[in-house]
Protein backbone atom coordinates (compact mmCIF):
# COMPACT_ATOMS: atom_id res chain seq x y z
CA MET A 1 15.91 42.43 43.50
CA LYS A 2 13.30 44.77 42.02
CA HIS A 3 13.80 43.16 38.62
CA PHE A 4 13.28 39.74 40.21
CA TYR A 5 9.95 40.78 41.74
CA LYS A 6 8.84 42.34 38.46
CA LEU A 7 9.70 39.11 36.66
CA MET A 8 7.74 37.06 39.21
CA ILE A 9 4.74 39.34 38.85
CA LEU A 10 4.92 39.05 35.06
CA LEU A 11 5.15 35.27 35.20
CA SER A 12 2.22 35.09 37.62
CA SER A 13 0.15 37.28 35.34
CA LEU A 14 0.95 35.12 32.33
CA PHE A 15 0.06 31.99 34.30
CA LEU A 16 -3.30 33.44 35.37
CA PHE A 17 -3.97 34.56 31.81
CA ALA A 18 -3.29 31.07 30.50
CA LEU A 19 -5.60 29.60 33.12
CA SER A 20 -8.36 31.99 32.08
CA LEU A 21 -8.02 30.85 28.46
CA TYR A 22 -8.51 27.23 29.47
CA ALA A 23 -11.30 27.99 31.95
CA ASP A 24 -13.99 27.15 29.41
CA ALA A 25 -12.50 23.75 28.59
CA LYS A 26 -14.81 21.02 29.87
CA PHE A 27 -13.41 17.98 28.07
CA ASN A 28 -10.12 16.12 27.78
CA VAL A 29 -8.04 14.59 25.01
CA GLY A 30 -9.74 11.43 23.75
CA ASP A 31 -13.21 12.53 24.83
CA ARG A 32 -16.08 12.23 22.37
CA ILE A 33 -18.03 15.42 21.75
CA GLU A 34 -20.47 16.98 19.30
CA VAL A 35 -19.48 20.10 17.38
CA TYR A 36 -22.14 22.54 16.16
CA ASP A 37 -21.63 23.97 12.67
CA ASP A 38 -23.16 27.41 12.10
CA LYS A 39 -23.37 26.99 8.32
CA THR A 40 -25.26 23.70 8.19
CA LYS A 41 -27.01 24.19 11.54
CA LYS A 42 -26.07 20.62 12.42
CA SER A 43 -23.90 18.91 15.03
CA PHE A 44 -21.11 16.51 14.02
CA SER A 45 -19.56 13.84 16.21
CA ALA A 46 -15.84 14.17 16.84
CA VAL A 47 -12.93 13.09 19.03
CA ILE A 48 -10.68 15.60 20.81
CA LEU A 49 -7.07 15.33 19.68
CA LYS A 50 -5.63 18.26 21.61
CA ASN A 51 -6.77 20.80 24.17
CA GLN A 52 -5.61 24.28 23.14
CA ALA A 53 -6.01 27.76 24.55
CA ASP A 54 -8.48 28.80 21.84
CA GLY A 55 -10.47 25.56 21.67
CA TYR A 56 -10.20 21.86 20.86
CA LEU A 57 -8.36 20.29 17.96
CA VAL A 58 -10.84 17.64 16.80
CA HIS A 59 -11.12 14.80 14.31
CA TYR A 60 -14.57 14.31 12.76
CA ASP A 61 -16.05 10.83 12.36
CA GLY A 62 -16.02 9.65 8.77
CA TYR A 63 -13.70 12.40 7.53
CA SER A 64 -10.00 12.37 6.65
CA ASP A 65 -7.36 14.05 8.78
CA SER A 66 -7.40 17.03 6.41
CA TYR A 67 -10.70 18.08 8.01
CA ASP A 68 -9.21 18.20 11.52
CA GLU A 69 -9.65 21.67 12.96
CA VAL A 70 -9.64 23.76 16.11
CA VAL A 71 -13.17 24.59 17.26
CA PRO A 72 -14.10 27.09 20.00
CA PHE A 73 -15.25 25.66 23.34
CA ALA A 74 -18.65 27.32 22.89
CA ARG A 75 -19.45 25.18 19.82
CA THR A 76 -18.98 21.89 21.65
CA LYS A 77 -21.18 19.78 23.89
CA ALA A 78 -21.12 16.35 25.47
CA MET A 79 -21.83 13.41 23.19
CA SER A 80 -25.49 12.41 23.08
CA GLU A 81 -26.22 9.04 24.61
CA LEU A 82 -27.11 6.23 22.23
CA GLU A 83 -30.15 4.36 23.53
CA GLY A 84 -29.41 0.75 24.39
CA VAL A 85 -25.69 1.04 23.60
CA THR A 86 -23.13 1.98 26.27
CA PHE A 87 -20.07 3.98 25.28
CA ILE A 88 -16.65 2.77 26.45
CA LYS A 89 -13.75 5.21 26.27
CA SER A 90 -10.86 3.15 24.93
CA ILE A 91 -7.31 4.07 25.94
CA LYS A 92 -4.37 3.28 23.67
CA LYS A 93 -1.83 0.84 25.13
CA LYS A 94 -4.17 0.10 28.02
CA SER A 95 -7.03 -2.26 28.92
CA VAL A 96 -10.45 -1.07 30.03
CA VAL A 97 -12.52 -3.53 32.09
CA ILE A 98 -16.32 -3.31 32.28
CA SER A 99 -18.54 -5.52 34.48
CA GLY A 100 -22.00 -6.46 33.28
CA ASN A 101 -24.85 -8.95 33.38
CA LEU A 102 -26.82 -10.32 30.44
CA LYS A 103 -30.11 -9.64 32.21
CA SER A 104 -29.73 -5.95 31.32
CA GLY A 105 -29.93 -6.80 27.61
CA ASN A 106 -32.51 -8.19 25.22
CA VAL A 107 -32.98 -11.21 22.96
CA LEU A 108 -32.41 -10.38 19.29
CA GLU A 109 -34.88 -12.47 17.31
CA ASP A 110 -33.49 -11.61 13.86
CA LEU A 111 -29.91 -12.82 13.32
CA GLU A 112 -29.92 -12.96 9.51
CA TRP A 113 -27.94 -9.71 9.26
CA ALA A 114 -24.90 -11.45 10.83
CA GLU A 115 -24.49 -13.99 8.01
CA SER A 116 -25.01 -11.50 5.17
CA SER A 117 -22.04 -11.06 2.82
CA SER A 118 -21.66 -7.41 3.83
CA MET A 119 -21.24 -8.38 7.50
CA ALA A 120 -19.97 -12.00 7.60
CA CYS A 121 -19.88 -12.09 11.41
CA TRP A 122 -20.74 -15.77 11.81
CA PRO A 123 -22.52 -18.45 9.72
CA GLY A 124 -26.20 -19.09 10.30
CA ILE A 125 -25.46 -22.62 11.59
CA ARG A 126 -23.92 -20.94 14.67
CA ASN A 127 -26.89 -18.71 15.50
CA ILE A 128 -27.54 -20.86 18.56
CA GLU A 129 -24.48 -19.21 20.16
CA PHE A 130 -26.13 -15.77 19.94
CA GLU A 131 -29.79 -16.48 20.66
CA GLY A 132 -29.68 -15.50 24.32
CA LYS A 133 -29.80 -11.96 25.68
CA GLN A 134 -27.39 -9.46 24.20
CA VAL A 135 -25.81 -6.37 25.76
CA TYR A 136 -24.37 -3.68 23.49
CA TYR A 137 -21.41 -1.31 23.72
CA TRP A 138 -19.44 0.90 21.36
CA THR A 139 -15.97 2.40 21.44
CA ASP A 140 -13.22 3.93 19.29
CA LEU A 141 -10.45 2.11 17.45
CA PRO A 142 -7.62 4.62 16.76
CA LYS A 143 -5.75 4.41 13.47
CA ARG A 144 -2.55 2.36 13.39
CA SER A 145 -3.75 0.18 16.25
CA THR A 146 -5.21 -3.21 17.11
CA MET A 147 -8.16 -3.78 19.45
CA VAL A 148 -8.62 -7.03 21.35
CA ILE A 149 -12.07 -7.51 22.89
CA THR A 150 -12.54 -10.30 25.43
CA VAL A 151 -15.55 -11.44 27.42
CA LYS A 152 -15.01 -13.53 30.54
CA PRO A 153 -18.05 -15.27 32.09
CA LYS A 154 -17.86 -15.22 35.87
CA ASN A 155 -19.69 -18.55 36.08
CA SER A 156 -18.23 -21.46 34.10
CA LYS A 157 -21.77 -22.78 33.53
CA THR A 158 -22.85 -19.59 31.73
CA ARG A 159 -22.12 -19.65 27.99
CA ILE A 160 -21.35 -16.09 26.94
CA ASN A 161 -19.93 -15.12 23.54
CA VAL A 162 -18.86 -11.91 21.83
CA PHE A 163 -18.98 -10.23 18.43
CA ALA A 164 -17.72 -6.86 17.21
CA PHE A 165 -17.56 -4.89 13.99
CA SER A 166 -15.73 -1.75 12.90
CA GLY A 167 -17.27 1.00 10.82
CA PHE A 168 -20.24 1.31 13.17
CA ASP A 169 -22.80 3.97 12.26
CA PRO A 170 -24.92 4.96 15.31
CA LYS A 171 -27.99 5.23 13.06
CA TYR A 172 -27.85 1.49 12.37
CA ILE A 173 -27.94 -1.02 15.23
CA PRO A 174 -28.49 -4.78 14.84
CA PRO A 175 -30.60 -6.13 13.27
CA LYS A 176 -30.82 -2.97 11.14
CA VAL A 177 -27.18 -2.95 10.11
CA TYR A 178 -26.17 -3.40 6.50
CA GLY A 179 -22.39 -3.45 6.31
CA ALA A 180 -19.13 -3.15 8.17
CA VAL A 181 -15.43 -2.66 7.54
CA SER A 182 -14.75 -5.87 9.45
CA CYS A 183 -16.82 -8.12 11.71
CA GLU A 184 -15.57 -10.87 14.00
CA ALA A 185 -17.31 -13.26 16.40
CA SER A 186 -16.00 -15.69 19.02
CA HIS A 187 -17.73 -18.76 20.48
CA PRO A 188 -16.72 -22.36 21.33
CA SER A 189 -15.51 -24.36 18.32
CA TYR A 190 -17.17 -27.69 17.49
CA VAL A 191 -18.43 -29.91 14.70
CA GLY A 192 -22.09 -30.90 14.67
CA GLU A 193 -24.23 -30.06 17.69
CA PRO A 194 -22.88 -27.85 20.51
CA ASP A 195 -22.02 -29.46 23.85
CA PHE A 196 -23.44 -27.14 26.50
CA SER A 197 -22.15 -29.37 29.29
CA LYS A 198 -18.61 -28.11 28.72
CA PRO A 199 -17.40 -25.26 30.97
CA SER A 200 -17.57 -21.85 29.33
CA GLU A 201 -14.30 -20.10 28.53
CA PRO A 202 -13.28 -16.50 27.72
CA GLN A 203 -13.96 -15.50 24.12
CA SER A 204 -11.95 -12.90 22.19
CA VAL A 205 -12.07 -11.05 18.87
CA GLU A 206 -9.49 -8.78 17.25
CA LEU A 207 -10.00 -5.75 15.01
CA ARG A 208 -7.38 -3.60 13.27
CA ALA A 209 -7.19 -0.07 11.90
CA VAL A 210 -4.43 1.12 9.58
CA GLY A 211 -4.91 4.53 7.97
CA ASN A 212 -8.25 5.50 9.48
CA PRO A 213 -9.85 5.34 12.94
CA TYR A 214 -13.17 3.50 13.30
CA ARG A 215 -16.13 3.32 15.61
CA VAL A 216 -16.55 -0.22 16.93
CA PHE A 217 -19.80 -1.92 17.94
CA ILE A 218 -19.53 -4.70 20.54
CA GLY A 219 -22.15 -7.31 21.36
CA VAL A 220 -21.90 -9.53 24.44
CA SER A 221 -24.29 -12.41 23.86
CA GLY A 222 -25.60 -15.40 25.70
CA ALA A 223 -26.11 -18.67 23.83
CA ARG A 224 -29.64 -20.03 23.40
CA ASP A 225 -31.70 -19.74 26.63
CA VAL A 226 -28.87 -17.89 28.43
CA LEU A 227 -30.71 -14.84 29.69
CA GLU A 228 -28.55 -13.74 32.60
CA GLY A 229 -25.02 -14.10 33.87
CA ASP A 230 -22.22 -11.88 35.15
CA TYR A 231 -19.23 -11.19 32.93
CA GLU A 232 -16.21 -8.98 32.48
CA LEU A 233 -15.69 -7.20 29.17
CA ILE A 234 -12.08 -6.25 28.47
CA VAL A 235 -11.21 -3.79 25.71
CA GLU A 236 -7.49 -3.52 24.99
CA VAL A 237 -5.95 -1.19 22.40
CA ARG A 238 -2.43 -2.05 21.23
């Protein structure tokens, strides 16, 4: 019996010790953080891959897996907010649903970037589908996965479309964006002039990642003169 009690005391001590090691952990797997580097005196954006007793195993944006490393809790902080762009934490094999309204966005006067050869989001003859207010988001596309992004207008009379591109650099937001790994846009299909009398329907785009993860920029956009309207944004990672 004495040996049993000693064993229980030892196990309790080990459990409390383990808890103390994790006490400084403030984030979870999949969370975005910034990691401070003592040598360069700079912070680098990263995603947590694993929560360990001595810190976080992280993957740095724009770097190969060979740069993944365990960093102490003390060198990490919450991701800085990106002005005008809302972060969505994507979850693999699940759908994340966000509610929004176009009135919280702004009209983007310059749409030439979208038809440039380095972006190829949509042709200039379809700019009318993206001349209303736009609301911006960004998220993560894990490697070896497919992301389906869908916008559903809550009012069939409100024409709301969507575009998204992978390889998003937070320093460059439309219209100051000069290239992407892939860019897709979805709007009603037609020949000639658009028929705005038709009921609006959900619009979807699909992006893929094979060997590398990517940051993804998402734009929910009203058509010309569409300045407000409720919608649901669904981000599904397969």
